[in-house]
Amino acid sequence: MSCNKILKAKGYRLTPQRRVILDILHGEAAHLTADAIYEQVKDKVAGVNRSTVYRTLELLESLGLTVKAELHGAHVYHHAEEGHHHHLKCRACGKVIELPEEALTTLENSLLEKQGFAADLHHHVITGLCSDCR
């Protein structure tokens, strides 16, 4: 279902700010901070302020349209259609490696079977040491 349809179904309008933010998230391969998104939005939408971008990102995340994770000490966002995935972050050199969602499926299943706990393992950053730094 398109973002516009999801917003409408939940009672929200696709405002110019929301459209631009979604376009930015769809068009970027990299994960972006809210400030980086704001820098792009302010060039495209006159009078937009930083709080509008932050509120919009919170809304989009609550509707499942964006995913937020913490990388390099800041929250970063990507479009949910990009899929859920995880990151391995080296605590020594800062290198980040993407990990497919399936990598934590065994853990997710084990938690459900043994603990009766349905974990939300959709976008996590796992810190440790990369092969170069070990």
Protein backbone atom coordinates (compact mmCIF):
# COMPACT_ATOMS: atom_id res chain seq x y z
CA MET A 1 0.00 0.00 0.00
CA SER A 2 1.39 3.43 -0.87
CA CYS A 3 2.35 5.93 1.80
CA ASN A 4 -0.43 8.25 0.69
CA LYS A 5 -3.04 5.49 1.07
CA ILE A 6 -1.72 4.53 4.50
CA LEU A 7 -1.78 8.14 5.68
CA LYS A 8 -5.34 8.61 4.39
CA ALA A 9 -6.50 5.32 5.92
CA LYS A 10 -5.18 6.51 9.30
CA GLY A 11 -6.84 9.93 8.95
CA TYR A 12 -3.78 11.98 7.92
CA ARG A 13 -3.24 14.19 4.90
CA LEU A 14 -0.21 14.00 2.63
CA THR A 15 0.99 17.55 3.29
CA PRO A 16 3.74 19.10 1.16
CA GLN A 17 6.21 18.58 4.02
CA ARG A 18 5.27 14.92 4.40
CA ARG A 19 5.49 14.36 0.65
CA VAL A 20 8.98 15.91 0.46
CA ILE A 21 10.22 13.92 3.46
CA LEU A 22 8.90 10.68 1.98
CA ASP A 23 10.45 11.55 -1.40
CA ILE A 24 13.80 12.14 0.30
CA LEU A 25 13.60 8.84 2.19
CA HIS A 26 12.60 6.97 -0.97
CA GLY A 27 15.39 8.59 -3.00
CA GLU A 28 18.28 8.03 -0.61
CA ALA A 29 20.19 4.79 -0.40
CA ALA A 30 21.86 5.90 2.84
CA HIS A 31 20.29 6.24 6.26
CA LEU A 32 19.70 9.89 7.09
CA THR A 33 19.54 11.82 10.34
CA ALA A 34 16.59 14.11 10.98
CA ASP A 35 18.93 17.09 10.58
CA ALA A 36 20.13 15.84 7.19
CA ILE A 37 16.52 15.41 6.11
CA TYR A 38 15.70 18.89 7.40
CA GLU A 39 18.55 20.39 5.36
CA GLN A 40 17.06 18.90 2.20
CA VAL A 41 13.46 19.77 3.09
CA LYS A 42 14.14 23.45 3.84
CA ASP A 43 15.48 23.90 0.31
CA LYS A 44 12.25 22.50 -1.14
CA VAL A 45 9.49 23.74 1.19
CA ALA A 46 9.45 27.40 2.18
CA GLY A 47 9.05 28.12 5.87
CA VAL A 48 9.43 24.56 7.13
CA ASN A 49 11.05 24.27 10.53
CA ARG A 50 13.10 21.57 12.19
CA SER A 51 10.31 20.58 14.62
CA THR A 52 7.99 19.86 11.69
CA VAL A 53 10.53 17.41 10.29
CA TYR A 54 11.00 15.71 13.66
CA ARG A 55 7.23 15.43 14.25
CA THR A 56 6.71 14.09 10.73
CA LEU A 57 9.42 11.46 11.16
CA GLU A 58 7.84 10.38 14.46
CA LEU A 59 4.44 10.11 12.76
CA LEU A 60 5.83 8.16 9.79
CA GLU A 61 7.63 5.80 12.17
CA SER A 62 4.48 5.26 14.25
CA LEU A 63 2.59 4.38 11.04
CA GLY A 64 5.29 1.92 9.98
CA LEU A 65 6.38 4.00 6.98
CA THR A 66 9.89 4.71 8.25
CA VAL A 67 12.34 2.84 10.43
CA LYS A 68 14.62 4.50 12.98
CA ALA A 69 17.87 3.18 14.43
CA GLU A 70 20.81 4.64 16.30
CA LEU A 71 24.09 4.74 14.38
CA HIS A 72 27.18 6.82 15.13
CA GLY A 73 25.48 8.33 18.18
CA ALA A 74 22.51 9.71 16.23
CA HIS A 75 19.13 8.42 15.16
CA VAL A 76 18.94 7.64 11.47
CA TYR A 77 15.93 6.92 9.30
CA HIS A 78 15.18 4.94 6.19
CA HIS A 79 12.00 4.12 4.33
CA ALA A 80 10.27 0.97 5.58
CA GLU A 81 9.95 -0.43 2.05
CA GLU A 82 13.72 -0.78 2.12
CA GLY A 83 13.03 -3.67 4.45
CA HIS A 84 14.04 -4.47 7.96
CA HIS A 85 17.68 -5.12 8.51
CA HIS A 86 20.26 -4.85 11.23
CA HIS A 87 23.69 -3.30 11.55
CA LEU A 88 26.93 -4.56 12.99
CA LYS A 89 28.94 -1.61 14.30
CA CYS A 90 32.58 -1.91 15.23
CA ARG A 91 33.22 -0.11 18.52
CA ALA A 92 36.89 0.38 17.62
CA CYS A 93 36.87 1.76 14.08
CA GLY A 94 33.18 2.66 13.66
CA LYS A 95 32.70 0.51 10.57
CA VAL A 96 29.05 -0.42 9.95
CA ILE A 97 28.02 -3.61 8.18
CA GLU A 98 24.42 -4.28 7.13
CA LEU A 99 22.95 -7.55 8.25
CA PRO A 100 19.73 -9.02 6.78
CA GLU A 101 16.70 -9.38 9.04
CA GLU A 102 16.89 -13.16 8.77
CA ALA A 103 20.14 -13.12 10.74
CA LEU A 104 18.14 -12.77 13.98
CA THR A 105 15.30 -15.15 13.06
CA THR A 106 16.75 -17.97 15.17
CA LEU A 107 16.92 -15.67 18.20
CA GLU A 108 13.39 -14.40 17.57
CA ASN A 109 12.03 -17.96 17.30
CA SER A 110 13.95 -19.11 20.37
CA LEU A 111 12.58 -16.24 22.48
CA LEU A 112 9.06 -17.11 21.40
CA GLU A 113 9.40 -20.84 21.98
CA LYS A 114 11.37 -20.81 25.23
CA GLN A 115 10.21 -17.60 26.87
CA GLY A 116 6.83 -17.04 25.24
CA PHE A 117 8.13 -13.61 24.29
CA ALA A 118 7.34 -12.11 20.88
CA ALA A 119 10.33 -9.84 20.28
CA ASP A 120 10.27 -6.95 17.81
CA LEU A 121 13.59 -7.62 16.12
CA HIS A 122 13.30 -5.42 13.08
CA HIS A 123 16.13 -2.89 13.08
CA HIS A 124 18.93 -3.23 15.57
CA VAL A 125 22.52 -2.11 15.91
CA ILE A 126 24.82 -4.72 17.39
CA THR A 127 28.17 -3.42 18.60
CA GLY A 128 31.35 -5.45 18.77
CA LEU A 129 34.65 -5.72 16.94
CA CYS A 130 34.98 -6.20 13.19
CA SER A 131 37.41 -8.73 11.75
CA ASP A 132 40.01 -6.01 11.13
CA CYS A 133 39.95 -4.78 14.75
CA ARG A 134 39.88 -8.11 16.60
